[in-house]
């Protein structure tokens, strides 16, 4: 069994406008961004391997977001997904 991780969004480090523009460039819909900003902290993505969670968190941090990675459970090895998914899947 492997551990599961999720990425949590806690707000922005920089200007909100810059953050929204950068997130839109990586596929985040405007309505999702507005909801994220209003409802922090928010779980952006769950059920990830540690590597996938780090990739996801890195992309949000590069856009100017403040995120953490949290361990929250276990899943079978065969169910693992190692591919990074865009924020548009929120």
Protein backbone atom coordinates (compact mmCIF):
# COMPACT_ATOMS: atom_id res chain seq x y z
CA UNK A 1 0.00 0.00 0.00
CA UNK A 2 1.18 3.50 -0.82
CA UNK A 3 0.39 6.73 0.95
CA UNK A 4 -2.07 9.26 -0.49
CA UNK A 5 -1.42 12.97 -0.53
CA UNK A 6 -3.47 16.08 -1.23
CA UNK A 7 -2.52 19.63 -2.11
CA UNK A 8 -4.12 22.43 -0.10
CA UNK A 9 -4.29 26.06 -1.22
CA UNK A 10 -3.87 28.70 1.52
CA UNK A 11 -3.87 31.94 -0.44
CA UNK A 12 -1.55 34.00 -2.58
CA UNK A 13 1.97 35.19 -1.90
CA UNK A 14 1.97 37.90 -4.56
CA UNK A 15 -0.55 40.12 -6.27
CA UNK A 16 -3.89 38.34 -6.84
CA UNK A 17 -4.10 39.57 -10.43
CA UNK A 18 -0.70 38.11 -11.28
CA UNK A 19 -1.65 34.84 -9.60
CA UNK A 20 -4.93 34.57 -11.53
CA UNK A 21 -3.22 35.33 -14.84
CA UNK A 22 -0.55 32.69 -14.25
CA UNK A 23 -3.10 30.10 -13.13
CA UNK A 24 -5.22 30.74 -16.22
CA UNK A 25 -2.10 30.04 -18.31
CA UNK A 26 -1.89 26.54 -16.81
CA UNK A 27 -5.57 25.85 -17.40
CA UNK A 28 -7.45 27.03 -14.32
CA UNK A 29 -10.94 28.31 -15.17
CA UNK A 30 -11.75 31.81 -13.83
CA UNK A 31 -14.76 30.58 -11.81
CA UNK A 32 -12.58 28.00 -10.04
CA UNK A 33 -9.98 30.65 -9.22
CA UNK A 34 -12.63 32.92 -7.70
CA UNK A 35 -13.94 30.07 -5.55
CA UNK A 36 -10.40 29.17 -4.46
CA UNK A 37 -9.69 32.74 -3.40
CA UNK A 38 -12.94 33.05 -1.42
CA UNK A 39 -12.83 29.71 0.37
CA UNK A 40 -9.24 29.25 1.53
CA UNK A 41 -7.99 26.84 2.69
CA UNK A 42 -9.15 24.62 -0.17
CA UNK A 43 -8.15 21.11 -1.20
CA UNK A 44 -6.96 21.53 -4.78
CA UNK A 45 -6.31 17.89 -5.56
CA UNK A 46 -6.35 14.65 -3.59
CA UNK A 47 -5.49 11.01 -4.10
CA UNK A 48 -2.01 11.75 -5.39
CA UNK A 49 1.34 10.09 -4.96
CA UNK A 50 3.94 12.26 -3.25
CA UNK A 51 5.69 12.96 -6.56
CA UNK A 52 2.46 14.00 -8.28
CA UNK A 53 1.49 16.17 -5.30
CA UNK A 54 4.88 17.90 -5.42
CA UNK A 55 4.51 18.59 -9.15
CA UNK A 56 1.03 20.00 -8.64
CA UNK A 57 2.13 22.11 -5.66
CA UNK A 58 5.17 23.40 -7.56
CA UNK A 59 2.99 24.63 -10.43
CA UNK A 60 0.67 26.53 -8.05
CA UNK A 61 3.62 27.97 -6.12
CA UNK A 62 5.28 29.15 -9.32
CA UNK A 63 2.05 30.99 -10.12
CA UNK A 64 2.28 32.73 -6.73
CA UNK A 65 0.09 30.55 -4.55
CA UNK A 66 0.79 29.33 -1.04
CA UNK A 67 0.18 25.57 -0.76
CA UNK A 68 0.94 22.63 1.49
CA UNK A 69 1.00 18.90 0.86
CA UNK A 70 -0.82 16.74 3.37
CA UNK A 71 -0.70 12.97 3.81
CA UNK A 72 -4.19 11.56 4.36
CA UNK A 73 -4.48 7.85 3.66
CA UNK A 74 -3.41 4.77 1.76
CA UNK A 75 -4.31 3.19 -1.55
CA UNK A 76 -3.38 0.08 -3.50
CA UNK A 77 -0.23 0.25 -5.63
CA UNK A 78 -2.18 -0.66 -8.77
CA UNK A 79 -4.45 2.37 -8.34
CA UNK A 80 -1.58 4.87 -8.33
CA UNK A 81 -1.56 7.65 -10.88
CA UNK A 82 1.83 9.18 -11.50
CA UNK A 83 0.86 11.68 -14.16
CA UNK A 84 0.45 15.34 -13.29
CA UNK A 85 -3.01 16.70 -13.96
CA UNK A 86 -3.84 20.29 -14.74
CA UNK A 87 -5.67 22.55 -12.33
CA UNK A 88 -8.58 22.53 -14.81
CA UNK A 89 -9.61 19.21 -13.31
CA UNK A 90 -10.75 20.90 -10.09
